[in-house]
């Protein structure tokens, strides 16, 4: 599989799906759901220029420190309580970590897929019989990216649906997802980047970005973090890539 990918006989999308499968990830287990990278950083331009390297996320860094400002915070503390450099669990049970949450978990999958069953019902069950408050829901792609840039404790990567399934971006079932506290905006369909004119257009351009020359040249750096040698040990510590 690796050689086929290197020879460009299979797409980046197909290679990531196969890597996830080999790593034991599956659509049948929300706790081990396939994980895909955020690949863009430009969600505000009117047009998306895939020939400009500046529109892409730095794939060599965990999402929690793609914003340089967060790197110092991540190094120094975990939720203002534990310093990575000097945190020691008195019982010796917990290894030191940079992030107390994870780049992929069941709640994150439900967060992204809240508008589509069976994930809607699962989300409601998780929230004790109701939808979570609107401000915490997935309501906007630009806002989701900005939250990652502002908060080093939010480290969610993407799911494969961002590259092939436009329906998850639409509230086709007409669920009452509430309204945002500050703007009073009703949460309905997911707000798209300016460069996407419809959910289908978003998926088309996002998939094109995944298969772009830039991502093809750098995707291995993200794979090292998630599936490779930077998952644990000294390389993970150096890369600010240690999870609870």
C-alpha atoms as a PDB file:
ATOM      1  CA  UNK A   1       0.000   0.000   0.000  1.00  0.00           C
ATOM      2  CA  UNK A   2       2.780   2.419   0.960  1.00  0.00           C
ATOM      3  CA  UNK A   3       4.622   1.864  -2.315  1.00  0.00           C
ATOM      4  CA  UNK A   4       1.425   2.360  -4.303  1.00  0.00           C
ATOM      5  CA  UNK A   5       0.877   5.652  -2.502  1.00  0.00           C
ATOM      6  CA  UNK A   6       4.470   6.788  -3.083  1.00  0.00           C
ATOM      7  CA  UNK A   7       4.048   5.933  -6.775  1.00  0.00           C
ATOM      8  CA  UNK A   8       0.755   7.877  -6.779  1.00  0.00           C
ATOM      9  CA  UNK A   9      -1.195   4.836  -7.838  1.00  0.00           C
ATOM     10  CA  UNK A  10      -3.687   5.491  -5.017  1.00  0.00           C
ATOM     11  CA  UNK A  11      -5.004   8.827  -3.773  1.00  0.00           C
ATOM     12  CA  UNK A  12      -4.166  10.508  -0.460  1.00  0.00           C
ATOM     13  CA  UNK A  13      -7.753   9.838   0.625  1.00  0.00           C
ATOM     14  CA  UNK A  14      -7.505   6.114  -0.114  1.00  0.00           C
ATOM     15  CA  UNK A  15      -4.128   5.841   1.605  1.00  0.00           C
ATOM     16  CA  UNK A  16      -5.454   7.514   4.767  1.00  0.00           C
ATOM     17  CA  UNK A  17      -8.481   5.204   4.806  1.00  0.00           C
ATOM     18  CA  UNK A  18      -6.207   2.168   4.484  1.00  0.00           C
ATOM     19  CA  UNK A  19      -3.859   3.467   7.217  1.00  0.00           C
ATOM     20  CA  UNK A  20      -6.831   3.959   9.547  1.00  0.00           C
ATOM     21  CA  UNK A  21      -8.026   0.427   8.825  1.00  0.00           C
ATOM     22  CA  UNK A  22      -4.574  -1.070   9.458  1.00  0.00           C
ATOM     23  CA  UNK A  23      -4.418   0.871  12.738  1.00  0.00           C
ATOM     24  CA  UNK A  24      -7.660  -0.776  13.874  1.00  0.00           C
ATOM     25  CA  UNK A  25      -9.862   2.254  13.300  1.00  0.00           C
ATOM     26  CA  UNK A  26     -13.357   1.571  12.006  1.00  0.00           C
ATOM     27  CA  UNK A  27     -16.684   3.260  11.293  1.00  0.00           C
ATOM     28  CA  UNK A  28     -18.235   0.658  13.620  1.00  0.00           C
ATOM     29  CA  UNK A  29     -16.600   2.065  16.770  1.00  0.00           C
ATOM     30  CA  UNK A  30     -16.996   5.765  17.625  1.00  0.00           C
ATOM     31  CA  UNK A  31     -14.081   5.511  20.062  1.00  0.00           C
ATOM     32  CA  UNK A  32     -11.811   4.316  17.234  1.00  0.00           C
ATOM     33  CA  UNK A  33     -13.362   6.226  14.336  1.00  0.00           C
ATOM     34  CA  UNK A  34     -11.189   6.975  11.280  1.00  0.00           C
ATOM     35  CA  UNK A  35      -9.213  10.203  11.759  1.00  0.00           C
ATOM     36  CA  UNK A  36      -8.253  12.661   9.016  1.00  0.00           C
ATOM     37  CA  UNK A  37      -6.227  15.879   9.242  1.00  0.00           C
ATOM     38  CA  UNK A  38      -7.274  19.473   9.067  1.00  0.00           C
ATOM     39  CA  UNK A  39      -5.412  20.414   5.895  1.00  0.00           C
ATOM     40  CA  UNK A  40      -6.323  24.061   5.291  1.00  0.00           C
ATOM     41  CA  UNK A  41      -5.909  27.205   7.338  1.00  0.00           C
ATOM     42  CA  UNK A  42      -7.755  29.606   5.012  1.00  0.00           C
ATOM     43  CA  UNK A  43     -11.479  29.650   5.750  1.00  0.00           C
ATOM     44  CA  UNK A  44     -12.067  33.365   5.145  1.00  0.00           C
ATOM     45  CA  UNK A  45     -10.939  34.179   1.575  1.00  0.00           C
ATOM     46  CA  UNK A  46     -13.475  34.614  -1.221  1.00  0.00           C
ATOM     47  CA  UNK A  47     -11.411  32.265  -3.402  1.00  0.00           C
ATOM     48  CA  UNK A  48      -9.258  29.284  -2.394  1.00  0.00           C
ATOM     49  CA  UNK A  49      -5.865  29.299  -4.110  1.00  0.00           C
ATOM     50  CA  UNK A  50      -4.440  25.767  -3.849  1.00  0.00           C
ATOM     51  CA  UNK A  51      -1.222  26.922  -5.507  1.00  0.00           C
ATOM     52  CA  UNK A  52      -0.447  29.111  -2.502  1.00  0.00           C
ATOM     53  CA  UNK A  53       1.306  27.176   0.317  1.00  0.00           C
ATOM     54  CA  UNK A  54       0.030  29.759   2.836  1.00  0.00           C
ATOM     55  CA  UNK A  55      -3.529  28.397   2.615  1.00  0.00           C
ATOM     56  CA  UNK A  56      -2.456  25.020   4.057  1.00  0.00           C
ATOM     57  CA  UNK A  57      -2.084  23.956   7.684  1.00  0.00           C
ATOM     58  CA  UNK A  58       1.423  22.979   8.854  1.00  0.00           C
ATOM     59  CA  UNK A  59       1.080  19.193   8.771  1.00  0.00           C
ATOM     60  CA  UNK A  60       4.277  18.639  10.767  1.00  0.00           C
ATOM     61  CA  UNK A  61       2.674  19.953  13.981  1.00  0.00           C
ATOM     62  CA  UNK A  62      -0.156  18.572  16.119  1.00  0.00           C
ATOM     63  CA  UNK A  63      -3.295  20.659  15.651  1.00  0.00           C
ATOM     64  CA  UNK A  64      -2.952  22.009  19.218  1.00  0.00           C
ATOM     65  CA  UNK A  65       0.221  23.914  18.324  1.00  0.00           C
ATOM     66  CA  UNK A  66      -0.357  24.840  14.686  1.00  0.00           C
ATOM     67  CA  UNK A  67      -0.829  28.318  16.139  1.00  0.00           C
ATOM     68  CA  UNK A  68       2.667  29.164  17.424  1.00  0.00           C
ATOM     69  CA  UNK A  69       1.168  31.151  20.309  1.00  0.00           C
ATOM     70  CA  UNK A  70      -0.210  27.924  21.777  1.00  0.00           C
ATOM     71  CA  UNK A  71       3.123  26.076  21.760  1.00  0.00           C
ATOM     72  CA  UNK A  72       4.439  27.849  24.866  1.00  0.00           C
ATOM     73  CA  UNK A  73       1.166  27.248  26.731  1.00  0.00           C
ATOM     74  CA  UNK A  74       1.154  23.565  25.790  1.00  0.00           C
ATOM     75  CA  UNK A  75       4.760  23.158  26.878  1.00  0.00           C
ATOM     76  CA  UNK A  76       4.253  24.902  30.181  1.00  0.00           C
ATOM     77  CA  UNK A  77       0.930  23.763  31.443  1.00  0.00           C
ATOM     78  CA  UNK A  78      -2.059  21.531  31.064  1.00  0.00           C
ATOM     79  CA  UNK A  79      -5.287  23.338  31.958  1.00  0.00           C
ATOM     80  CA  UNK A  80      -3.349  25.591  34.368  1.00  0.00           C
ATOM     81  CA  UNK A  81      -2.755  22.675  36.748  1.00  0.00           C
ATOM     82  CA  UNK A  82       0.057  20.434  35.553  1.00  0.00           C
ATOM     83  CA  UNK A  83       3.270  21.485  33.943  1.00  0.00           C
ATOM     84  CA  UNK A  84       4.458  18.950  31.399  1.00  0.00           C
ATOM     85  CA  UNK A  85       8.045  19.538  32.446  1.00  0.00           C
ATOM     86  CA  UNK A  86       7.459  18.878  36.137  1.00  0.00           C
ATOM     87  CA  UNK A  87       4.100  17.099  36.482  1.00  0.00           C
ATOM     88  CA  UNK A  88       4.507  13.824  38.332  1.00  0.00           C
ATOM     89  CA  UNK A  89       1.579  11.635  39.329  1.00  0.00           C
ATOM     90  CA  UNK A  90       2.179  10.719  43.006  1.00  0.00           C
ATOM     91  CA  UNK A  91       0.845   7.202  42.387  1.00  0.00           C
ATOM     92  CA  UNK A  92       3.010   6.759  39.304  1.00  0.00           C
ATOM     93  CA  UNK A  93      -0.026   5.707  37.265  1.00  0.00           C
ATOM     94  CA  UNK A  94      -0.349   8.600  34.819  1.00  0.00           C
ATOM     95  CA  UNK A  95       2.301   9.424  32.275  1.00  0.00           C
ATOM     96  CA  UNK A  96       3.039  13.085  31.638  1.00  0.00           C
ATOM     97  CA  UNK A  97       1.100  14.643  28.776  1.00  0.00           C
ATOM     98  CA  UNK A  98       0.633  17.796  26.724  1.00  0.00           C
ATOM     99  CA  UNK A  99      -3.108  17.396  26.089  1.00  0.00           C
ATOM    100  CA  UNK A 100      -5.796  16.144  28.446  1.00  0.00           C
ATOM    101  CA  UNK A 101      -8.167  15.408  25.592  1.00  0.00           C
ATOM    102  CA  UNK A 102      -7.678  13.625  22.275  1.00  0.00           C
ATOM    103  CA  UNK A 103      -7.611  14.347  18.540  1.00  0.00           C
ATOM    104  CA  UNK A 104     -10.262  11.660  17.974  1.00  0.00           C
ATOM    105  CA  UNK A 105     -12.982  10.417  20.308  1.00  0.00           C
ATOM    106  CA  UNK A 106     -16.648   9.412  20.292  1.00  0.00           C
ATOM    107  CA  UNK A 107     -17.912  12.805  21.467  1.00  0.00           C
ATOM    108  CA  UNK A 108     -15.937  14.509  18.686  1.00  0.00           C
ATOM    109  CA  UNK A 109     -17.447  12.263  16.016  1.00  0.00           C
ATOM    110  CA  UNK A 110     -20.962  13.021  17.313  1.00  0.00           C
ATOM    111  CA  UNK A 111     -20.044  16.713  17.429  1.00  0.00           C
ATOM    112  CA  UNK A 112     -19.317  16.782  13.699  1.00  0.00           C
ATOM    113  CA  UNK A 113     -22.186  14.485  12.675  1.00  0.00           C
ATOM    114  CA  UNK A 114     -24.899  15.908  14.952  1.00  0.00           C
ATOM    115  CA  UNK A 115     -27.249  16.646  12.020  1.00  0.00           C
ATOM    116  CA  UNK A 116     -27.253  13.053  10.752  1.00  0.00           C
ATOM    117  CA  UNK A 117     -28.804   9.982  12.349  1.00  0.00           C
ATOM    118  CA  UNK A 118     -27.893   7.842  14.224  1.00  0.00           C
ATOM    119  CA  UNK A 119     -25.410  10.402  15.542  1.00  0.00           C
ATOM    120  CA  UNK A 120     -28.167  12.886  16.478  1.00  0.00           C
ATOM    121  CA  UNK A 121     -29.778  10.374  18.834  1.00  0.00           C
ATOM    122  CA  UNK A 122     -26.390   9.328  20.237  1.00  0.00           C
ATOM    123  CA  UNK A 123     -25.533  12.989  20.914  1.00  0.00           C
ATOM    124  CA  UNK A 124     -28.870  13.529  22.699  1.00  0.00           C
ATOM    125  CA  UNK A 125     -28.260  10.407  24.821  1.00  0.00           C
ATOM    126  CA  UNK A 126     -24.788  11.693  25.694  1.00  0.00           C
ATOM    127  CA  UNK A 127     -26.305  15.042  26.758  1.00  0.00           C
ATOM    128  CA  UNK A 128     -28.896  13.466  29.080  1.00  0.00           C
ATOM    129  CA  UNK A 129     -31.832  13.674  26.703  1.00  0.00           C
ATOM    130  CA  UNK A 130     -31.357  17.044  24.987  1.00  0.00           C
ATOM    131  CA  UNK A 131     -29.100  18.850  22.549  1.00  0.00           C
ATOM    132  CA  UNK A 132     -26.002  20.463  24.009  1.00  0.00           C
ATOM    133  CA  UNK A 133     -26.134  24.271  24.174  1.00  0.00           C
ATOM    134  CA  UNK A 134     -25.871  25.862  20.735  1.00  0.00           C
ATOM    135  CA  UNK A 135     -22.537  27.601  21.370  1.00  0.00           C
ATOM    136  CA  UNK A 136     -20.802  24.278  21.921  1.00  0.00           C
ATOM    137  CA  UNK A 137     -22.203  22.682  18.768  1.00  0.00           C
ATOM    138  CA  UNK A 138     -20.538  22.371  15.381  1.00  0.00           C
ATOM    139  CA  UNK A 139     -22.188  25.323  13.662  1.00  0.00           C
ATOM    140  CA  UNK A 140     -19.473  26.834  11.463  1.00  0.00           C
ATOM    141  CA  UNK A 141     -16.323  25.563   9.760  1.00  0.00           C
ATOM    142  CA  UNK A 142     -14.494  28.938  10.010  1.00  0.00           C
ATOM    143  CA  UNK A 143     -15.487  29.186  13.704  1.00  0.00           C
ATOM    144  CA  UNK A 144     -14.340  25.603  14.375  1.00  0.00           C
ATOM    145  CA  UNK A 145     -10.924  26.412  12.911  1.00  0.00           C
ATOM    146  CA  UNK A 146     -10.692  29.669  14.873  1.00  0.00           C
ATOM    147  CA  UNK A 147     -11.517  27.809  18.090  1.00  0.00           C
ATOM    148  CA  UNK A 148      -8.587  25.466  17.428  1.00  0.00           C
ATOM    149  CA  UNK A 149      -6.279  28.432  16.869  1.00  0.00           C
ATOM    150  CA  UNK A 150      -7.442  30.185  20.050  1.00  0.00           C
ATOM    151  CA  UNK A 151      -7.604  27.204  22.401  1.00  0.00           C
ATOM    152  CA  UNK A 152      -4.695  24.762  22.794  1.00  0.00           C
ATOM    153  CA  UNK A 153      -7.024  22.405  24.701  1.00  0.00           C
ATOM    154  CA  UNK A 154      -9.219  21.892  21.617  1.00  0.00           C
ATOM    155  CA  UNK A 155      -7.322  19.365  19.520  1.00  0.00           C
ATOM    156  CA  UNK A 156      -9.988  17.697  17.360  1.00  0.00           C
ATOM    157  CA  UNK A 157      -8.808  16.572  13.954  1.00  0.00           C
ATOM    158  CA  UNK A 158     -11.324  15.815  11.190  1.00  0.00           C
ATOM    159  CA  UNK A 159     -13.284  12.746  10.114  1.00  0.00           C
ATOM    160  CA  UNK A 160     -13.388  11.314   6.569  1.00  0.00           C
ATOM    161  CA  UNK A 161     -16.882  12.736   5.939  1.00  0.00           C
ATOM    162  CA  UNK A 162     -15.313  16.186   5.452  1.00  0.00           C
ATOM    163  CA  UNK A 163     -14.000  14.880   2.130  1.00  0.00           C
ATOM    164  CA  UNK A 164     -16.989  13.081   0.646  1.00  0.00           C
ATOM    165  CA  UNK A 165     -20.301  13.581   2.491  1.00  0.00           C
ATOM    166  CA  UNK A 166     -21.937  17.012   1.954  1.00  0.00           C
ATOM    167  CA  UNK A 167     -25.168  15.979   3.701  1.00  0.00           C
ATOM    168  CA  UNK A 168     -23.596  16.160   7.156  1.00  0.00           C
ATOM    169  CA  UNK A 169     -23.254  19.922   6.686  1.00  0.00           C
ATOM    170  CA  UNK A 170     -27.009  20.384   6.203  1.00  0.00           C
ATOM    171  CA  UNK A 171     -29.793  20.248   8.774  1.00  0.00           C
ATOM    172  CA  UNK A 172     -31.999  18.215   6.446  1.00  0.00           C
ATOM    173  CA  UNK A 173     -34.024  16.805   9.345  1.00  0.00           C
ATOM    174  CA  UNK A 174     -34.888  20.265  10.659  1.00  0.00           C
ATOM    175  CA  UNK A 175     -33.571  19.664  14.170  1.00  0.00           C
ATOM    176  CA  UNK A 176     -33.995  22.545  16.620  1.00  0.00           C
ATOM    177  CA  UNK A 177     -30.372  23.111  17.553  1.00  0.00           C
ATOM    178  CA  UNK A 178     -30.991  26.379  19.422  1.00  0.00           C
ATOM    179  CA  UNK A 179     -29.355  29.766  18.908  1.00  0.00           C
ATOM    180  CA  UNK A 180     -25.982  31.287  19.709  1.00  0.00           C
ATOM    181  CA  UNK A 181     -25.919  33.373  22.886  1.00  0.00           C
ATOM    182  CA  UNK A 182     -24.049  36.421  21.604  1.00  0.00           C
ATOM    183  CA  UNK A 183     -25.380  36.828  18.062  1.00  0.00           C
ATOM    184  CA  UNK A 184     -28.779  35.134  18.624  1.00  0.00           C
ATOM    185  CA  UNK A 185     -28.103  33.366  15.309  1.00  0.00           C
ATOM    186  CA  UNK A 186     -30.170  30.190  14.916  1.00  0.00           C
ATOM    187  CA  UNK A 187     -28.001  27.091  14.443  1.00  0.00           C
ATOM    188  CA  UNK A 188     -29.149  25.352  11.289  1.00  0.00           C
ATOM    189  CA  UNK A 189     -26.944  24.301   8.336  1.00  0.00           C
ATOM    190  CA  UNK A 190     -23.194  24.500   9.024  1.00  0.00           C
ATOM    191  CA  UNK A 191     -21.740  27.878   8.046  1.00  0.00           C
ATOM    192  CA  UNK A 192     -19.232  27.311   5.232  1.00  0.00           C
ATOM    193  CA  UNK A 193     -16.032  29.164   4.316  1.00  0.00           C
ATOM    194  CA  UNK A 194     -16.607  32.091   1.947  1.00  0.00           C
ATOM    195  CA  UNK A 195     -14.914  30.177  -0.873  1.00  0.00           C
ATOM    196  CA  UNK A 196     -17.508  27.396  -0.721  1.00  0.00           C
ATOM    197  CA  UNK A 197     -20.822  28.162  -2.407  1.00  0.00           C
ATOM    198  CA  UNK A 198     -22.650  25.024  -1.219  1.00  0.00           C
ATOM    199  CA  UNK A 199     -21.925  21.894   0.846  1.00  0.00           C
ATOM    200  CA  UNK A 200     -21.148  20.056  -2.418  1.00  0.00           C
ATOM    201  CA  UNK A 201     -18.760  22.826  -3.461  1.00  0.00           C
ATOM    202  CA  UNK A 202     -17.040  22.648  -0.074  1.00  0.00           C
ATOM    203  CA  UNK A 203     -16.538  18.890  -0.371  1.00  0.00           C
ATOM    204  CA  UNK A 204     -15.268  19.201  -3.953  1.00  0.00           C
ATOM    205  CA  UNK A 205     -12.699  21.894  -3.083  1.00  0.00           C
ATOM    206  CA  UNK A 206     -11.717  20.273   0.220  1.00  0.00           C
ATOM    207  CA  UNK A 207     -11.077  16.938  -1.512  1.00  0.00           C
ATOM    208  CA  UNK A 208      -9.120  18.761  -4.205  1.00  0.00           C
ATOM    209  CA  UNK A 209      -7.024  20.327  -1.443  1.00  0.00           C
ATOM    210  CA  UNK A 210      -6.375  16.890   0.077  1.00  0.00           C
ATOM    211  CA  UNK A 211      -5.055  15.648  -3.263  1.00  0.00           C
ATOM    212  CA  UNK A 212      -3.053  18.814  -3.970  1.00  0.00           C
ATOM    213  CA  UNK A 213       0.670  18.892  -4.574  1.00  0.00           C
ATOM    214  CA  UNK A 214       1.356  20.588  -1.240  1.00  0.00           C
ATOM    215  CA  UNK A 215      -0.530  17.999   0.824  1.00  0.00           C
ATOM    216  CA  UNK A 216       0.961  15.120  -1.185  1.00  0.00           C
ATOM    217  CA  UNK A 217       4.428  16.434  -0.304  1.00  0.00           C
ATOM    218  CA  UNK A 218       3.703  16.937   3.425  1.00  0.00           C
ATOM    219  CA  UNK A 219       1.076  14.373   4.419  1.00  0.00           C
ATOM    220  CA  UNK A 220       3.734  11.955   5.705  1.00  0.00           C
ATOM    221  CA  UNK A 221       4.583  14.501   8.440  1.00  0.00           C
ATOM    222  CA  UNK A 222       1.063  14.266   9.879  1.00  0.00           C
ATOM    223  CA  UNK A 223       1.066  10.470   9.472  1.00  0.00           C
ATOM    224  CA  UNK A 224       4.230  10.355  11.626  1.00  0.00           C
ATOM    225  CA  UNK A 225       2.303  12.122  14.416  1.00  0.00           C
ATOM    226  CA  UNK A 226      -0.836   9.980  14.302  1.00  0.00           C
ATOM    227  CA  UNK A 227       0.318   6.573  13.062  1.00  0.00           C
ATOM    228  CA  UNK A 228       4.119   6.751  13.110  1.00  0.00           C
ATOM    229  CA  UNK A 229       7.205   7.226  15.236  1.00  0.00           C
ATOM    230  CA  UNK A 230       6.101  10.529  16.806  1.00  0.00           C
ATOM    231  CA  UNK A 231       3.169   8.916  18.627  1.00  0.00           C
ATOM    232  CA  UNK A 232       5.139   8.256  21.813  1.00  0.00           C
ATOM    233  CA  UNK A 233       8.562   8.404  23.388  1.00  0.00           C
ATOM    234  CA  UNK A 234      11.138  11.205  23.023  1.00  0.00           C
ATOM    235  CA  UNK A 235      10.052  12.031  19.455  1.00  0.00           C
ATOM    236  CA  UNK A 236       6.480  12.628  20.676  1.00  0.00           C
ATOM    237  CA  UNK A 237       7.673  14.823  23.546  1.00  0.00           C
ATOM    238  CA  UNK A 238       9.799  16.893  21.195  1.00  0.00           C
ATOM    239  CA  UNK A 239       6.916  17.251  18.742  1.00  0.00           C
ATOM    240  CA  UNK A 240       4.507  18.363  21.547  1.00  0.00           C
ATOM    241  CA  UNK A 241       2.415  15.326  20.674  1.00  0.00           C
ATOM    242  CA  UNK A 242       1.790  13.495  23.968  1.00  0.00           C
ATOM    243  CA  UNK A 243      -1.866  12.803  24.830  1.00  0.00           C
ATOM    244  CA  UNK A 244      -3.414  11.738  28.131  1.00  0.00           C
END
